[in-house]
C-alpha atoms as a PDB file:
ATOM      1  CA  MET A   1      11.015  -6.494  13.652  1.00  0.00           C
ATOM      2  CA  ASP A   2       8.338  -9.117  13.802  1.00  0.00           C
ATOM      3  CA  LYS A   3       4.762  -7.297  13.759  1.00  0.00           C
ATOM      4  CA  GLY A   4       3.790  -4.618  12.335  1.00  0.00           C
ATOM      5  CA  THR A   5       1.669  -2.564   9.314  1.00  0.00           C
ATOM      6  CA  TYR A   6       4.008  -1.486   6.150  1.00  0.00           C
ATOM      7  CA  ALA A   7       3.089   0.919   2.836  1.00  0.00           C
ATOM      8  CA  LEU A   8       4.446   0.730   0.194  1.00  0.00           C
ATOM      9  CA  LEU A   9       4.745   3.052  -3.004  1.00  0.00           C
ATOM     10  CA  ILE A  10       4.226   1.659  -6.175  1.00  0.00           C
ATOM     11  CA  GLU A  11       4.785   3.123  -9.601  1.00  0.00           C
ATOM     12  CA  LEU A  12       2.773   2.131 -12.564  1.00  0.00           C
ATOM     13  CA  LYS A  13       4.186   3.615 -15.653  1.00  0.00           C
ATOM     14  CA  ASN A  14       1.461   2.650 -18.146  1.00  0.00           C
ATOM     15  CA  GLU A  15      -1.982   2.469 -17.850  1.00  0.00           C
ATOM     16  CA  THR A  16      -3.743  -1.002 -17.732  1.00  0.00           C
ATOM     17  CA  THR A  17      -6.886  -2.685 -16.714  1.00  0.00           C
ATOM     18  CA  LEU A  18      -6.772  -5.696 -14.899  1.00  0.00           C
ATOM     19  CA  THR A  19      -9.008  -8.389 -13.188  1.00  0.00           C
ATOM     20  CA  VAL A  20      -8.267  -8.519  -9.653  1.00  0.00           C
ATOM     21  CA  GLY A  21      -8.980 -11.777  -8.329  1.00  0.00           C
ATOM     22  CA  LYS A  22     -12.958 -12.149  -7.228  1.00  0.00           C
ATOM     23  CA  LEU A  23     -13.175  -8.182  -6.509  1.00  0.00           C
ATOM     24  CA  GLY A  24     -13.332  -7.431 -10.540  1.00  0.00           C
ATOM     25  CA  GLU A  25     -12.130  -5.537 -13.196  1.00  0.00           C
ATOM     26  CA  PHE A  26     -10.492  -2.147 -12.879  1.00  0.00           C
ATOM     27  CA  ASP A  27      -8.784   0.422 -14.912  1.00  0.00           C
ATOM     28  CA  PHE A  28      -5.427   1.696 -13.066  1.00  0.00           C
ATOM     29  CA  PRO A  29      -4.246   5.155 -13.990  1.00  0.00           C
ATOM     30  CA  ARG A  30      -0.025   5.401 -14.745  1.00  0.00           C
ATOM     31  CA  GLY A  31       0.891   7.127 -12.038  1.00  0.00           C
ATOM     32  CA  TYR A  32       1.479   6.401  -8.086  1.00  0.00           C
ATOM     33  CA  TYR A  33      -0.563   4.491  -5.610  1.00  0.00           C
ATOM     34  CA  ILE A  34       0.404   3.862  -1.933  1.00  0.00           C
ATOM     35  CA  TYR A  35      -1.469   0.355  -0.587  1.00  0.00           C
ATOM     36  CA  PHE A  36      -1.474  -0.341   3.330  1.00  0.00           C
ATOM     37  CA  GLY A  37      -1.145  -4.068   4.638  1.00  0.00           C
ATOM     38  CA  SER A  38      -0.696  -5.790   8.241  1.00  0.00           C
ATOM     39  CA  ALA A  39       2.347  -8.175   8.830  1.00  0.00           C
ATOM     40  CA  LEU A  40       1.069  -9.415  12.171  1.00  0.00           C
ATOM     41  CA  GLY A  41       3.048 -12.656  11.105  1.00  0.00           C
ATOM     42  CA  GLY A  42       5.916 -11.348   9.982  1.00  0.00           C
ATOM     43  CA  LEU A  43       7.140  -8.292   8.435  1.00  0.00           C
ATOM     44  CA  GLU A  44      10.751  -9.238   6.627  1.00  0.00           C
ATOM     45  CA  ALA A  45       8.740 -12.051   5.003  1.00  0.00           C
ATOM     46  CA  ARG A  46       5.813  -9.741   3.974  1.00  0.00           C
ATOM     47  CA  ILE A  47       7.835  -7.505   2.362  1.00  0.00           C
ATOM     48  CA  ASN A  48      10.069  -9.337   0.642  1.00  0.00           C
ATOM     49  CA  ARG A  49       7.257 -11.656  -0.863  1.00  0.00           C
ATOM     50  CA  HIS A  50       5.800  -7.735  -2.861  1.00  0.00           C
ATOM     51  CA  LEU A  51       8.936  -7.264  -3.673  1.00  0.00           C
ATOM     52  CA  LYS A  52       9.247 -10.218  -5.336  1.00  0.00           C
ATOM     53  CA  HIS A  53       8.823 -10.896  -9.398  1.00  0.00           C
ATOM     54  CA  ASP A  54       7.997 -14.410  -9.914  1.00  0.00           C
ATOM     55  CA  LYS A  55       4.843 -15.087  -7.185  1.00  0.00           C
ATOM     56  CA  HIS A  56       1.444 -16.655  -6.944  1.00  0.00           C
ATOM     57  CA  LEU A  57      -1.784 -14.088  -7.088  1.00  0.00           C
ATOM     58  CA  HIS A  58      -2.511 -14.148  -3.644  1.00  0.00           C
ATOM     59  CA  TRP A  59      -3.221 -10.781  -2.296  1.00  0.00           C
ATOM     60  CA  HIS A  60      -5.222  -7.488  -4.227  1.00  0.00           C
ATOM     61  CA  ILE A  61      -1.785  -6.172  -4.837  1.00  0.00           C
ATOM     62  CA  ASP A  62      -0.357  -8.907  -6.375  1.00  0.00           C
ATOM     63  CA  TYR A  63      -2.161  -8.082  -9.304  1.00  0.00           C
ATOM     64  CA  LEU A  64      -0.973  -4.751 -10.098  1.00  0.00           C
ATOM     65  CA  LEU A  65       2.316  -5.700  -8.787  1.00  0.00           C
ATOM     66  CA  GLN A  66       3.104  -7.926 -12.164  1.00  0.00           C
ATOM     67  CA  PHE A  67       2.797  -4.496 -13.889  1.00  0.00           C
ATOM     68  CA  ALA A  68       4.395  -2.257 -11.622  1.00  0.00           C
ATOM     69  CA  GLU A  69       7.208  -1.402  -9.117  1.00  0.00           C
ATOM     70  CA  ILE A  70       7.776  -0.548  -6.032  1.00  0.00           C
ATOM     71  CA  ALA A  71       9.542   2.610  -5.372  1.00  0.00           C
ATOM     72  CA  GLU A  72       9.442   2.439  -1.251  1.00  0.00           C
ATOM     73  CA  VAL A  73       8.221   0.750   1.673  1.00  0.00           C
ATOM     74  CA  TRP A  74       7.131   2.320   5.008  1.00  0.00           C
ATOM     75  CA  TYR A  75       6.732   0.185   7.878  1.00  0.00           C
ATOM     76  CA  LEU A  76       5.997   0.514  11.845  1.00  0.00           C
ATOM     77  CA  SER A  77       6.582  -1.906  13.951  1.00  0.00           C
ATOM     78  CA  SER A  78       3.521  -2.985  16.082  1.00  0.00           C
ATOM     79  CA  ASP A  79       1.288  -5.946  17.327  1.00  0.00           C
ATOM     80  CA  GLN A  80      -1.970  -3.877  15.936  1.00  0.00           C
ATOM     81  CA  ARG A  81      -3.480  -4.322  12.732  1.00  0.00           C
ATOM     82  CA  LEU A  82      -2.929  -0.389  11.847  1.00  0.00           C
ATOM     83  CA  GLU A  83      -3.385  -0.233   7.764  1.00  0.00           C
ATOM     84  CA  CYS A  84      -6.856   1.560   8.688  1.00  0.00           C
ATOM     85  CA  THR A  85      -5.303   3.900  10.323  1.00  0.00           C
ATOM     86  CA  LEU A  86      -2.646   4.875   7.795  1.00  0.00           C
ATOM     87  CA  CYS A  87      -4.899   4.369   5.112  1.00  0.00           C
ATOM     88  CA  ARG A  88      -6.872   7.154   6.824  1.00  0.00           C
ATOM     89  CA  GLU A  89      -4.083   9.382   7.604  1.00  0.00           C
ATOM     90  CA  ALA A  90      -2.790   8.951   3.729  1.00  0.00           C
ATOM     91  CA  HIS A  91      -6.166   9.872   2.523  1.00  0.00           C
ATOM     92  CA  GLU A  92      -5.383  13.363   3.769  1.00  0.00           C
ATOM     93  CA  LEU A  93      -2.573  13.852   1.644  1.00  0.00           C
ATOM     94  CA  PRO A  94      -2.997  16.579  -1.708  1.00  0.00           C
ATOM     95  CA  GLY A  95      -4.349  14.556  -4.502  1.00  0.00           C
ATOM     96  CA  SER A  96      -5.109  10.952  -3.008  1.00  0.00           C
ATOM     97  CA  ALA A  97      -7.988   9.294  -4.460  1.00  0.00           C
ATOM     98  CA  ASP A  98      -9.703   5.829  -4.551  1.00  0.00           C
ATOM     99  CA  ILE A  99     -10.041   3.877  -7.565  1.00  0.00           C
ATOM    100  CA  ALA A 100     -10.492   0.866  -6.574  1.00  0.00           C
ATOM    101  CA  LEU A 101     -12.984   0.380  -4.404  1.00  0.00           C
ATOM    102  CA  GLY A 102     -12.453  -2.825  -2.031  1.00  0.00           C
ATOM    103  CA  PHE A 103      -9.301  -3.165  -2.565  1.00  0.00           C
ATOM    104  CA  GLY A 104      -7.137  -4.724   0.321  1.00  0.00           C
ATOM    105  CA  SER A 105     -10.136  -4.031   2.251  1.00  0.00           C
ATOM    106  CA  SER A 106     -12.437  -6.820   2.210  1.00  0.00           C
ATOM    107  CA  ASP A 107     -11.584  -7.489   6.058  1.00  0.00           C
ATOM    108  CA  CYS A 108     -12.689  -3.939   6.935  1.00  0.00           C
ATOM    109  CA  ARG A 109     -15.423  -1.376   6.591  1.00  0.00           C
ATOM    110  CA  CYS A 110     -12.752   1.055   4.479  1.00  0.00           C
ATOM    111  CA  PRO A 111     -13.411   2.033   0.752  1.00  0.00           C
ATOM    112  CA  SER A 112     -10.179   0.672   0.191  1.00  0.00           C
ATOM    113  CA  HIS A 113      -5.901   0.267   0.951  1.00  0.00           C
ATOM    114  CA  LEU A 114      -5.180   1.492  -2.108  1.00  0.00           C
ATOM    115  CA  LEU A 115      -4.390   5.191  -2.951  1.00  0.00           C
ATOM    116  CA  TYR A 116      -4.123   6.706  -5.974  1.00  0.00           C
ATOM    117  CA  PHE A 117      -1.902  10.194  -6.781  1.00  0.00           C
ATOM    118  CA  THR A 118      -1.188  11.213 -10.470  1.00  0.00           C
ATOM    119  CA  THR A 119       2.391  12.276  -9.346  1.00  0.00           C
ATOM    120  CA  LYS A 120       5.074  11.019  -6.709  1.00  0.00           C
ATOM    121  CA  PRO A 121       3.427  12.313  -3.242  1.00  0.00           C
ATOM    122  CA  SER A 122       5.937  13.241  -0.348  1.00  0.00           C
ATOM    123  CA  VAL A 123       5.970  10.986   2.584  1.00  0.00           C
ATOM    124  CA  GLU A 124       7.059  13.681   4.828  1.00  0.00           C
ATOM    125  CA  PRO A 125       3.097  15.535   5.310  1.00  0.00           C
ATOM    126  CA  PHE A 126       2.281  11.916   6.183  1.00  0.00           C
ATOM    127  CA  LYS A 127       4.682  11.096   8.371  1.00  0.00           C
ATOM    128  CA  LYS A 128       4.292  14.096  10.127  1.00  0.00           C
ATOM    129  CA  ARG A 129       0.480  12.934  11.088  1.00  0.00           C
ATOM    130  CA  LEU A 130       1.652  10.021  12.154  1.00  0.00           C
ATOM    131  CA  ARG A 131       3.850  11.634  14.739  1.00  0.00           C
ATOM    132  CA  GLY A 132       1.451  13.554  15.765  1.00  0.00           C
ATOM    133  CA  ARG A 133      -0.452  10.478  17.086  1.00  0.00           C
ATOM    134  CA  GLY A 134       2.087   8.775  18.342  1.00  0.00           C
ATOM    135  CA  PHE A 135       3.455   6.719  15.333  1.00  0.00           C
ATOM    136  CA  THR A 136       7.073   6.350  13.867  1.00  0.00           C
ATOM    137  CA  LEU A 137       7.610   5.408  10.370  1.00  0.00           C
ATOM    138  CA  ASN A 138      10.472   3.944   9.218  1.00  0.00           C
ATOM    139  CA  ARG A 139      11.858   3.299   5.796  1.00  0.00           C
ATOM    140  CA  TRP A 140      12.386  -0.032   4.408  1.00  0.00           C
ATOM    141  CA  GLY A 141      15.530  -0.252   2.229  1.00  0.00           C
ATOM    142  CA  VAL A 142      14.677  -1.594  -1.467  1.00  0.00           C
ATOM    143  CA  THR A 143      17.220  -2.164  -4.108  1.00  0.00           C
END
């Protein structure tokens, strides 16, 4: 597996206010988040970097991951950037909300690549929607 797009299912146990790089300050309520990104230079390296706790703050998601835990990782192999497509499909999940406009989406026209949920969203409806579009979502083992 080399190139692809991924989705991080993240749990934030305590509400926090963060300054996210140059993007600004945001209030992040406790709950669950799904972050979408592409790794056309290597999925394994990118996902492993996100799973590390001690790292330089580079991407918007790095700021949130200082205070949250990755619960699940989902990916699909492709040489195309598909995070906008995945994010649009996941936005159809019940309870999804954009709460940090511009988060992870500074290089596209999406409102955000971070979706918020008060309770843990089920990945099954999301996977089904993607299958209907010809994409297969795979689970990455998180320890």
